[in-house]
């Protein structure tokens, strides 16, 4: 599971009320970081069909040692996210169950261009080209996991650093202002 880390912020000799600082950081998570991070996940599935699209929720953990944000899929399609992003699908044989034939477009190896790449981006059209083929049994090659979480963590890390660092600075400043009263 990918992680996003942040650095320590000095209080410059102040002895602020750390409960106030943590409260400010908590507000920042709810106001900015959580919706922004969820938008990254929703952008990945924006082009998925509505019936296959999972929802996402975020949960934060703020302790003395760690600041963590967990984003996880929800809804009836959360398993689809797991297959596409985390585990992938291994090769298997597909046989006819109900219909007489399996029908699909095929022009040999390389005729299917995936919509998403292993690097987390969109590259292809998401369909195969070629004539319509019928078969009773097909050896499906499977696919590698897309690791969207790792790519989102890499893309979001600079923003996360900036938001958390500014939240700590703002919290220390507010605590300092309260202490002067």
N, C-alpha and C. Protein backbone atom coordinates (compact mmCIF):
# COMPACT_ATOMS: atom_id res chain seq x y z
N UNK A 1 0.84 -1.18 0.00
CA UNK A 1 0.00 0.00 0.00
C UNK A 1 0.88 1.24 0.00
N UNK A 2 0.70 2.17 -0.93
CA UNK A 2 1.54 3.35 -1.00
C UNK A 2 1.28 4.31 0.16
N UNK A 3 2.29 5.04 0.52
CA UNK A 3 2.20 6.00 1.62
C UNK A 3 2.67 7.36 1.13
N UNK A 4 2.12 8.41 1.72
CA UNK A 4 2.57 9.77 1.48
C UNK A 4 3.07 10.28 2.83
N UNK A 5 4.32 10.70 2.88
CA UNK A 5 4.91 11.16 4.14
C UNK A 5 5.12 12.66 4.11
N UNK A 6 5.22 13.27 5.26
CA UNK A 6 5.53 14.69 5.37
C UNK A 6 6.63 14.90 6.39
N UNK A 7 7.25 16.05 6.36
CA UNK A 7 8.38 16.30 7.25
C UNK A 7 7.94 17.00 8.52
N UNK A 8 8.87 17.13 9.48
CA UNK A 8 8.60 17.79 10.76
C UNK A 8 8.69 19.30 10.59
N UNK A 9 7.81 20.01 11.27
CA UNK A 9 7.80 21.46 11.21
C UNK A 9 8.21 22.01 12.58
N UNK A 10 9.20 22.88 12.60
CA UNK A 10 9.64 23.45 13.88
C UNK A 10 8.68 24.56 14.30
N UNK A 11 8.52 24.72 15.60
CA UNK A 11 7.64 25.77 16.10
C UNK A 11 8.42 27.04 16.44
N UNK A 12 9.70 27.09 16.14
CA UNK A 12 10.57 28.27 16.30
C UNK A 12 10.57 28.82 17.71
N UNK A 13 10.73 27.91 18.67
CA UNK A 13 10.85 28.32 20.06
C UNK A 13 9.54 28.55 20.77
N UNK A 14 8.43 28.50 20.06
CA UNK A 14 7.13 28.67 20.69
C UNK A 14 6.74 27.40 21.43
N UNK A 15 5.90 27.55 22.38
CA UNK A 15 5.30 26.40 23.05
C UNK A 15 3.79 26.47 22.80
N UNK A 16 3.40 26.17 21.59
CA UNK A 16 1.98 26.33 21.26
C UNK A 16 1.13 25.24 21.91
N UNK A 17 -0.16 25.51 21.94
CA UNK A 17 -1.13 24.52 22.40
C UNK A 17 -1.32 23.53 21.25
N UNK A 18 -0.73 22.34 21.39
CA UNK A 18 -0.72 21.39 20.28
C UNK A 18 -2.11 20.86 19.96
N UNK A 19 -3.01 20.92 20.93
CA UNK A 19 -4.40 20.50 20.63
C UNK A 19 -5.02 21.45 19.61
N UNK A 20 -4.72 22.74 19.76
CA UNK A 20 -5.22 23.73 18.79
C UNK A 20 -4.57 23.51 17.42
N UNK A 21 -3.29 23.20 17.40
CA UNK A 21 -2.59 22.96 16.14
C UNK A 21 -3.18 21.74 15.43
N UNK A 22 -3.38 20.66 16.17
CA UNK A 22 -3.95 19.44 15.58
C UNK A 22 -5.38 19.69 15.11
N UNK A 23 -6.12 20.50 15.84
CA UNK A 23 -7.48 20.84 15.41
C UNK A 23 -7.46 21.57 14.07
N UNK A 24 -6.50 22.48 13.91
CA UNK A 24 -6.36 23.20 12.63
C UNK A 24 -6.00 22.25 11.50
N UNK A 25 -5.08 21.32 11.76
CA UNK A 25 -4.69 20.34 10.76
C UNK A 25 -5.88 19.45 10.40
N UNK A 26 -6.66 19.07 11.40
CA UNK A 26 -7.85 18.25 11.18
C UNK A 26 -8.86 18.97 10.29
N UNK A 27 -9.06 20.26 10.54
CA UNK A 27 -9.97 21.05 9.70
C UNK A 27 -9.46 21.13 8.26
N UNK A 28 -8.14 21.26 8.12
CA UNK A 28 -7.53 21.33 6.79
C UNK A 28 -7.76 20.01 6.02
N UNK A 29 -7.65 18.89 6.73
CA UNK A 29 -7.90 17.60 6.09
C UNK A 29 -9.32 17.52 5.59
N UNK A 30 -10.28 17.94 6.42
CA UNK A 30 -11.69 17.85 6.01
C UNK A 30 -12.04 18.84 4.91
N UNK A 31 -11.42 20.02 4.95
CA UNK A 31 -11.79 21.08 4.01
C UNK A 31 -11.10 20.95 2.66
N UNK A 32 -9.81 20.59 2.65
CA UNK A 32 -9.04 20.60 1.41
C UNK A 32 -8.53 19.25 0.97
N UNK A 33 -7.80 18.58 1.85
CA UNK A 33 -7.05 17.39 1.43
C UNK A 33 -7.98 16.25 1.05
N UNK A 34 -8.98 15.97 1.89
CA UNK A 34 -9.87 14.85 1.62
C UNK A 34 -10.61 15.00 0.28
N UNK A 35 -11.31 16.13 0.01
CA UNK A 35 -11.98 16.25 -1.29
C UNK A 35 -11.02 16.25 -2.47
N UNK A 36 -9.85 16.87 -2.28
CA UNK A 36 -8.89 16.93 -3.37
C UNK A 36 -8.35 15.54 -3.71
N UNK A 37 -8.03 14.75 -2.69
CA UNK A 37 -7.52 13.40 -2.92
C UNK A 37 -8.59 12.50 -3.52
N UNK A 38 -9.83 12.63 -3.06
CA UNK A 38 -10.93 11.84 -3.64
C UNK A 38 -11.15 12.21 -5.11
N UNK A 39 -10.91 13.47 -5.46
CA UNK A 39 -11.10 13.86 -6.86
C UNK A 39 -10.08 13.16 -7.77
N UNK A 40 -8.88 12.89 -7.25
CA UNK A 40 -7.89 12.15 -8.04
C UNK A 40 -8.40 10.74 -8.35
N UNK A 41 -8.97 10.07 -7.35
CA UNK A 41 -9.50 8.72 -7.56
C UNK A 41 -10.70 8.76 -8.50
N UNK A 42 -11.56 9.76 -8.34
CA UNK A 42 -12.74 9.85 -9.20
C UNK A 42 -12.37 10.18 -10.65
N UNK A 43 -11.25 10.89 -10.86
CA UNK A 43 -10.79 11.16 -12.23
C UNK A 43 -10.35 9.88 -12.93
N UNK A 44 -9.76 8.96 -12.16
CA UNK A 44 -9.32 7.69 -12.75
C UNK A 44 -10.51 6.90 -13.29
N UNK A 45 -11.62 6.88 -12.54
CA UNK A 45 -12.78 6.07 -12.95
C UNK A 45 -13.83 6.89 -13.71
N UNK A 46 -13.52 8.12 -14.06
CA UNK A 46 -14.50 8.98 -14.72
C UNK A 46 -14.99 8.42 -16.05
N UNK A 47 -14.12 7.74 -16.78
CA UNK A 47 -14.51 7.20 -18.09
C UNK A 47 -15.03 5.77 -18.02
N UNK A 48 -15.11 5.20 -16.81
CA UNK A 48 -15.65 3.85 -16.67
C UNK A 48 -17.16 3.91 -16.85
N UNK A 49 -17.73 2.78 -17.28
CA UNK A 49 -19.19 2.71 -17.38
C UNK A 49 -19.79 2.88 -15.99
N UNK A 50 -20.96 3.49 -15.93
CA UNK A 50 -21.63 3.78 -14.65
C UNK A 50 -21.87 2.51 -13.83
N UNK A 51 -22.21 1.42 -14.51
CA UNK A 51 -22.50 0.18 -13.78
C UNK A 51 -21.24 -0.48 -13.23
N UNK A 52 -20.05 -0.11 -13.72
CA UNK A 52 -18.79 -0.69 -13.24
C UNK A 52 -18.01 0.24 -12.33
N UNK A 53 -18.46 1.46 -12.16
CA UNK A 53 -17.69 2.49 -11.45
C UNK A 53 -17.86 2.36 -9.94
N UNK A 54 -16.75 2.24 -9.18
CA UNK A 54 -16.86 2.22 -7.72
C UNK A 54 -16.90 3.65 -7.17
N UNK A 55 -17.39 3.78 -5.94
CA UNK A 55 -17.31 5.05 -5.24
C UNK A 55 -16.09 5.00 -4.31
N UNK A 56 -15.74 6.12 -3.73
CA UNK A 56 -14.58 6.17 -2.84
C UNK A 56 -14.91 6.96 -1.59
N UNK A 57 -14.34 6.54 -0.49
CA UNK A 57 -14.43 7.27 0.78
C UNK A 57 -13.02 7.40 1.34
N UNK A 58 -12.85 8.40 2.18
CA UNK A 58 -11.55 8.64 2.79
C UNK A 58 -11.69 8.66 4.30
N UNK A 59 -10.64 8.21 4.96
CA UNK A 59 -10.61 8.18 6.42
C UNK A 59 -9.24 8.70 6.85
N UNK A 60 -9.23 9.59 7.82
CA UNK A 60 -7.95 10.15 8.28
C UNK A 60 -7.62 9.63 9.67
N UNK A 61 -6.31 9.57 9.94
CA UNK A 61 -5.80 9.20 11.26
C UNK A 61 -4.71 10.21 11.60
N UNK A 62 -4.93 10.98 12.64
CA UNK A 62 -3.94 11.94 13.10
C UNK A 62 -3.54 11.55 14.51
N UNK A 63 -2.28 11.14 14.68
CA UNK A 63 -1.75 10.79 16.00
C UNK A 63 -0.47 11.59 16.23
N UNK A 64 0.17 11.35 17.37
CA UNK A 64 1.43 12.05 17.65
C UNK A 64 2.51 11.67 16.65
N UNK A 65 2.50 10.44 16.19
CA UNK A 65 3.55 9.96 15.30
C UNK A 65 3.21 10.06 13.82
N UNK A 66 1.93 9.99 13.48
CA UNK A 66 1.56 9.84 12.07
C UNK A 66 0.40 10.75 11.69
N UNK A 67 0.41 11.13 10.43
CA UNK A 67 -0.75 11.73 9.78
C UNK A 67 -1.01 10.86 8.57
N UNK A 68 -2.14 10.18 8.56
CA UNK A 68 -2.44 9.25 7.47
C UNK A 68 -3.82 9.53 6.89
N UNK A 69 -3.94 9.31 5.60
CA UNK A 69 -5.22 9.40 4.92
C UNK A 69 -5.41 8.11 4.14
N UNK A 70 -6.45 7.38 4.44
CA UNK A 70 -6.77 6.15 3.73
C UNK A 70 -7.92 6.43 2.78
N UNK A 71 -7.77 6.02 1.53
CA UNK A 71 -8.85 6.11 0.56
C UNK A 71 -9.17 4.69 0.13
N UNK A 72 -10.45 4.33 0.18
CA UNK A 72 -10.84 2.97 -0.14
C UNK A 72 -12.09 2.98 -1.00
N UNK A 73 -12.24 1.96 -1.86
CA UNK A 73 -13.42 1.89 -2.73
C UNK A 73 -14.65 1.44 -1.94
N UNK A 74 -15.81 1.92 -2.37
CA UNK A 74 -17.07 1.54 -1.74
C UNK A 74 -18.07 1.15 -2.81
N UNK A 75 -19.17 0.61 -2.36
CA UNK A 75 -20.25 0.26 -3.27
C UNK A 75 -20.13 -1.16 -3.79
N UNK A 76 -21.07 -1.54 -4.64
CA UNK A 76 -21.07 -2.92 -5.14
C UNK A 76 -19.92 -3.22 -6.09
N UNK A 77 -19.24 -2.22 -6.62
CA UNK A 77 -18.17 -2.44 -7.59
C UNK A 77 -16.77 -2.29 -7.01
N UNK A 78 -16.64 -2.37 -5.69
CA UNK A 78 -15.31 -2.21 -5.10
C UNK A 78 -14.38 -3.36 -5.49
N UNK A 79 -14.92 -4.52 -5.79
CA UNK A 79 -14.08 -5.64 -6.23
C UNK A 79 -13.47 -5.38 -7.60
N UNK A 80 -14.17 -4.66 -8.45
CA UNK A 80 -13.64 -4.33 -9.78
C UNK A 80 -12.41 -3.45 -9.63
N UNK A 81 -12.46 -2.49 -8.70
CA UNK A 81 -11.28 -1.65 -8.44
C UNK A 81 -10.12 -2.50 -7.96
N UNK A 82 -10.40 -3.46 -7.09
CA UNK A 82 -9.33 -4.33 -6.58
C UNK A 82 -8.69 -5.12 -7.72
N UNK A 83 -9.50 -5.66 -8.62
CA UNK A 83 -8.96 -6.44 -9.73
C UNK A 83 -8.12 -5.56 -10.67
N UNK A 84 -8.65 -4.40 -11.01
CA UNK A 84 -7.96 -3.55 -11.98
C UNK A 84 -6.71 -2.91 -11.39
N UNK A 85 -6.80 -2.44 -10.16
CA UNK A 85 -5.71 -1.64 -9.60
C UNK A 85 -4.72 -2.44 -8.76
N UNK A 86 -5.17 -3.42 -8.00
CA UNK A 86 -4.30 -4.06 -7.01
C UNK A 86 -3.81 -5.44 -7.45
N UNK A 87 -4.72 -6.31 -7.84
CA UNK A 87 -4.32 -7.70 -8.10
C UNK A 87 -4.14 -8.02 -9.58
N UNK A 88 -4.87 -7.34 -10.44
CA UNK A 88 -4.85 -7.73 -11.85
C UNK A 88 -5.65 -9.02 -12.01
N UNK A 89 -5.62 -9.60 -13.18
CA UNK A 89 -6.29 -10.88 -13.43
C UNK A 89 -5.32 -11.81 -14.12
N UNK A 90 -5.25 -13.02 -13.63
CA UNK A 90 -4.33 -13.97 -14.25
C UNK A 90 -4.98 -14.60 -15.47
N UNK A 91 -4.16 -15.19 -16.31
CA UNK A 91 -4.63 -15.83 -17.53
C UNK A 91 -5.53 -17.02 -17.18
N UNK A 92 -6.53 -17.24 -18.01
CA UNK A 92 -7.43 -18.37 -17.79
C UNK A 92 -8.13 -18.72 -19.10
N UNK A 93 -8.80 -19.85 -19.07
CA UNK A 93 -9.56 -20.30 -20.23
C UNK A 93 -11.02 -19.92 -20.03
N UNK A 94 -11.60 -19.28 -21.02
CA UNK A 94 -13.01 -18.89 -20.99
C UNK A 94 -13.75 -19.82 -21.93
N UNK A 95 -14.80 -20.47 -21.41
CA UNK A 95 -15.60 -21.38 -22.23
C UNK A 95 -17.03 -20.86 -22.32
N UNK A 96 -17.74 -21.34 -23.30
CA UNK A 96 -19.14 -20.97 -23.50
C UNK A 96 -19.98 -21.56 -22.37
N UNK A 97 -20.90 -20.78 -21.83
CA UNK A 97 -21.78 -21.29 -20.77
C UNK A 97 -23.24 -21.29 -21.21
N UNK A 98 -23.72 -20.15 -21.70
CA UNK A 98 -25.14 -20.03 -22.04
C UNK A 98 -25.34 -19.95 -23.55
N UNK A 99 -24.62 -19.07 -24.20
CA UNK A 99 -24.79 -18.88 -25.65
C UNK A 99 -24.09 -20.01 -26.42
N UNK A 100 -24.31 -20.04 -27.72
CA UNK A 100 -23.66 -21.06 -28.54
C UNK A 100 -22.20 -20.73 -28.81
N UNK A 101 -21.89 -19.43 -28.92
CA UNK A 101 -20.55 -19.00 -29.28
C UNK A 101 -20.12 -17.81 -28.43
N UNK A 102 -18.82 -17.67 -28.29
CA UNK A 102 -18.25 -16.42 -27.80
C UNK A 102 -17.94 -15.59 -29.03
N UNK A 103 -18.37 -14.34 -29.04
CA UNK A 103 -18.13 -13.48 -30.19
C UNK A 103 -17.35 -12.25 -29.76
N UNK A 104 -16.32 -11.92 -30.51
CA UNK A 104 -15.49 -10.77 -30.18
C UNK A 104 -14.69 -10.36 -31.42
N UNK A 105 -14.16 -9.16 -31.39
CA UNK A 105 -13.33 -8.66 -32.49
C UNK A 105 -11.89 -9.07 -32.22
N UNK A 106 -11.21 -9.55 -33.27
CA UNK A 106 -9.85 -10.05 -33.09
C UNK A 106 -9.11 -10.04 -34.42
N UNK A 107 -7.90 -9.48 -34.40
CA UNK A 107 -7.05 -9.48 -35.59
C UNK A 107 -5.66 -9.98 -35.22
N UNK A 108 -5.58 -10.86 -34.24
CA UNK A 108 -4.30 -11.40 -33.80
C UNK A 108 -3.77 -10.66 -32.58
N UNK A 109 -2.63 -11.12 -32.06
CA UNK A 109 -2.05 -10.47 -30.89
C UNK A 109 -1.77 -8.99 -31.14
N UNK A 110 -2.10 -8.17 -30.17
CA UNK A 110 -1.88 -6.73 -30.30
C UNK A 110 -3.05 -6.00 -30.90
N UNK A 111 -4.15 -6.69 -31.22
CA UNK A 111 -5.28 -6.00 -31.82
C UNK A 111 -6.14 -5.30 -30.76
N UNK A 112 -5.96 -5.66 -29.48
CA UNK A 112 -6.68 -4.97 -28.41
C UNK A 112 -5.76 -3.91 -27.79
N UNK A 113 -6.25 -2.71 -27.71
CA UNK A 113 -5.51 -1.61 -27.09
C UNK A 113 -6.24 -1.22 -25.81
N UNK A 114 -5.58 -1.43 -24.68
CA UNK A 114 -6.20 -1.11 -23.39
C UNK A 114 -6.38 0.39 -23.24
N UNK A 115 -7.41 0.76 -22.50
CA UNK A 115 -7.66 2.18 -22.27
C UNK A 115 -6.65 2.76 -21.28
N UNK A 116 -6.35 2.02 -20.21
CA UNK A 116 -5.41 2.50 -19.20
C UNK A 116 -4.08 1.79 -19.33
N UNK A 117 -3.03 2.46 -18.87
CA UNK A 117 -1.70 1.88 -18.91
C UNK A 117 -1.25 1.52 -17.51
N UNK A 118 -0.14 0.76 -17.42
CA UNK A 118 0.39 0.41 -16.10
C UNK A 118 0.99 1.61 -15.40
N UNK A 119 1.24 2.68 -16.13
CA UNK A 119 1.78 3.88 -15.50
C UNK A 119 0.69 4.79 -14.95
N UNK A 120 -0.57 4.34 -15.03
CA UNK A 120 -1.66 5.08 -14.41
C UNK A 120 -2.38 6.06 -15.31
N UNK A 121 -2.00 6.17 -16.55
CA UNK A 121 -2.63 7.13 -17.43
C UNK A 121 -3.57 6.47 -18.44
N UNK A 122 -4.21 7.31 -19.22
CA UNK A 122 -5.07 6.84 -20.30
C UNK A 122 -4.29 6.95 -21.59
N UNK A 123 -4.28 5.86 -22.36
CA UNK A 123 -3.49 5.88 -23.58
C UNK A 123 -4.28 5.40 -24.79
N UNK A 124 -5.03 4.32 -24.65
CA UNK A 124 -5.66 3.71 -25.81
C UNK A 124 -7.16 3.92 -25.83
N UNK A 125 -7.80 3.38 -26.86
CA UNK A 125 -9.24 3.55 -27.01
C UNK A 125 -10.07 2.60 -26.13
N UNK A 126 -9.49 1.46 -25.74
CA UNK A 126 -10.23 0.52 -24.89
C UNK A 126 -11.05 -0.48 -25.68
N UNK A 127 -10.70 -0.75 -26.90
CA UNK A 127 -11.42 -1.76 -27.67
C UNK A 127 -10.47 -2.44 -28.65
N UNK A 128 -10.95 -3.52 -29.24
CA UNK A 128 -10.16 -4.28 -30.21
C UNK A 128 -10.61 -3.94 -31.62
N UNK A 129 -9.70 -4.12 -32.56
CA UNK A 129 -10.03 -3.91 -33.96
C UNK A 129 -9.93 -5.25 -34.68
N UNK A 130 -10.54 -5.35 -35.82
CA UNK A 130 -10.47 -6.57 -36.61
C UNK A 130 -11.84 -7.14 -36.88
N UNK A 131 -11.87 -8.26 -37.58
CA UNK A 131 -13.16 -8.88 -37.91
C UNK A 131 -13.78 -9.56 -36.70
N UNK A 132 -15.08 -9.79 -36.77
CA UNK A 132 -15.80 -10.48 -35.71
C UNK A 132 -15.46 -11.97 -35.79
N UNK A 133 -15.05 -12.53 -34.64
CA UNK A 133 -14.61 -13.93 -34.57
C UNK A 133 -15.53 -14.67 -33.62
N UNK A 134 -15.79 -15.94 -33.93
CA UNK A 134 -16.59 -16.79 -33.04
C UNK A 134 -15.73 -17.96 -32.58
N UNK A 135 -15.89 -18.34 -31.29
CA UNK A 135 -15.14 -19.48 -30.76
C UNK A 135 -15.91 -20.08 -29.59
N UNK A 136 -15.66 -21.35 -29.31
CA UNK A 136 -16.27 -22.02 -28.15
C UNK A 136 -15.39 -21.86 -26.91
N UNK A 137 -14.07 -21.82 -27.12
CA UNK A 137 -13.11 -21.70 -26.02
C UNK A 137 -12.07 -20.65 -26.38
N UNK A 138 -11.70 -19.81 -25.40
CA UNK A 138 -10.71 -18.76 -25.62
C UNK A 138 -9.70 -18.79 -24.48
N UNK A 139 -8.42 -18.71 -24.80
CA UNK A 139 -7.38 -18.55 -23.78
C UNK A 139 -7.16 -17.06 -23.58
N UNK A 140 -7.68 -16.55 -22.45
CA UNK A 140 -7.58 -15.12 -22.16
C UNK A 140 -6.25 -14.85 -21.48
N UNK A 141 -5.48 -13.86 -21.94
CA UNK A 141 -4.14 -13.64 -21.38
C UNK A 141 -4.10 -12.96 -20.03
N UNK A 142 -5.22 -12.39 -19.55
CA UNK A 142 -5.22 -11.66 -18.29
C UNK A 142 -4.58 -10.28 -18.44
N UNK A 143 -4.38 -9.60 -17.32
CA UNK A 143 -3.72 -8.29 -17.37
C UNK A 143 -3.03 -8.00 -16.06
N UNK A 144 -2.02 -7.16 -16.13
CA UNK A 144 -1.27 -6.75 -14.94
C UNK A 144 -2.05 -5.69 -14.18
N UNK A 145 -1.84 -5.60 -12.86
CA UNK A 145 -2.52 -4.54 -12.11
C UNK A 145 -2.02 -3.16 -12.53
N UNK A 146 -2.90 -2.19 -12.47
CA UNK A 146 -2.57 -0.83 -12.90
C UNK A 146 -1.93 -0.01 -11.78
N UNK A 147 -2.03 -0.42 -10.54
CA UNK A 147 -1.41 0.27 -9.39
C UNK A 147 -1.77 1.75 -9.34
N UNK A 148 -3.05 2.05 -9.47
CA UNK A 148 -3.48 3.44 -9.47
C UNK A 148 -3.14 4.15 -8.15
N UNK A 149 -3.21 3.44 -7.02
CA UNK A 149 -2.93 4.07 -5.72
C UNK A 149 -1.50 4.60 -5.67
N UNK A 150 -0.55 3.82 -6.15
CA UNK A 150 0.86 4.25 -6.14
C UNK A 150 1.05 5.48 -7.01
N UNK A 151 0.39 5.51 -8.16
CA UNK A 151 0.53 6.66 -9.06
C UNK A 151 -0.13 7.90 -8.48
N UNK A 152 -1.30 7.73 -7.86
CA UNK A 152 -1.97 8.87 -7.23
C UNK A 152 -1.12 9.40 -6.08
N UNK A 153 -0.52 8.50 -5.29
CA UNK A 153 0.35 8.94 -4.20
C UNK A 153 1.53 9.74 -4.74
N UNK A 154 2.10 9.30 -5.85
CA UNK A 154 3.22 10.01 -6.45
C UNK A 154 2.78 11.37 -6.99
N UNK A 155 1.62 11.42 -7.64
CA UNK A 155 1.13 12.69 -8.19
C UNK A 155 0.73 13.67 -7.09
N UNK A 156 0.15 13.16 -6.01
CA UNK A 156 -0.42 14.04 -4.98
C UNK A 156 0.59 14.43 -3.90
N UNK A 157 1.72 13.76 -3.82
CA UNK A 157 2.69 14.00 -2.75
C UNK A 157 3.09 15.47 -2.59
N UNK A 158 3.48 16.21 -3.65
CA UNK A 158 3.85 17.61 -3.46
C UNK A 158 2.72 18.47 -2.88
N UNK A 159 1.50 18.25 -3.37
CA UNK A 159 0.36 19.00 -2.85
C UNK A 159 0.11 18.66 -1.38
N UNK A 160 0.20 17.36 -1.06
CA UNK A 160 -0.01 16.92 0.31
C UNK A 160 1.00 17.58 1.24
N UNK A 161 2.26 17.57 0.85
CA UNK A 161 3.30 18.22 1.65
C UNK A 161 2.94 19.69 1.91
N UNK A 162 2.59 20.37 0.83
CA UNK A 162 2.29 21.80 0.94
C UNK A 162 1.09 22.06 1.85
N UNK A 163 0.00 21.30 1.66
CA UNK A 163 -1.21 21.49 2.47
C UNK A 163 -0.95 21.22 3.95
N UNK A 164 -0.29 20.11 4.26
CA UNK A 164 -0.05 19.75 5.65
C UNK A 164 0.92 20.74 6.30
N UNK A 165 1.95 21.10 5.59
CA UNK A 165 2.92 22.05 6.15
C UNK A 165 2.26 23.39 6.42
N UNK A 166 1.45 23.88 5.49
CA UNK A 166 0.75 25.14 5.70
C UNK A 166 -0.26 25.04 6.83
N UNK A 167 -0.91 23.89 6.96
CA UNK A 167 -1.86 23.71 8.07
C UNK A 167 -1.15 23.76 9.42
N UNK A 168 0.01 23.14 9.50
CA UNK A 168 0.78 23.20 10.75
C UNK A 168 1.23 24.63 11.03
N UNK A 169 1.72 25.33 10.04
CA UNK A 169 2.15 26.71 10.23
C UNK A 169 0.99 27.58 10.68
N UNK A 170 -0.16 27.41 10.04
CA UNK A 170 -1.35 28.17 10.40
C UNK A 170 -1.79 27.85 11.82
N UNK A 171 -1.75 26.55 12.17
CA UNK A 171 -2.14 26.16 13.53
C UNK A 171 -1.20 26.72 14.58
N UNK A 172 0.10 26.72 14.31
CA UNK A 172 1.07 27.28 15.26
C UNK A 172 0.86 28.78 15.39
N UNK A 173 0.59 29.45 14.28
CA UNK A 173 0.35 30.89 14.32
C UNK A 173 -0.91 31.21 15.13
N UNK A 174 -1.99 30.44 14.91
CA UNK A 174 -3.23 30.67 15.66
C UNK A 174 -3.04 30.40 17.15
N UNK A 175 -2.31 29.33 17.46
CA UNK A 175 -2.05 29.02 18.87
C UNK A 175 -1.21 30.12 19.51
N UNK A 176 -0.27 30.66 18.77
CA UNK A 176 0.55 31.77 19.27
C UNK A 176 -0.31 33.01 19.53
N UNK A 177 -1.23 33.30 18.60
CA UNK A 177 -2.10 34.45 18.75
C UNK A 177 -3.03 34.29 19.96
N UNK A 178 -3.50 33.08 20.22
CA UNK A 178 -4.35 32.82 21.39
C UNK A 178 -3.57 32.96 22.68
N UNK A 179 -2.30 32.53 22.65
CA UNK A 179 -1.48 32.59 23.86
C UNK A 179 -1.21 34.05 24.25
N UNK A 180 -1.16 34.97 23.27
CA UNK A 180 -0.90 36.38 23.56
C UNK A 180 -2.10 37.07 24.18
N UNK A 181 -3.29 36.51 24.01
CA UNK A 181 -4.51 37.15 24.55
C UNK A 181 -4.55 37.11 26.02
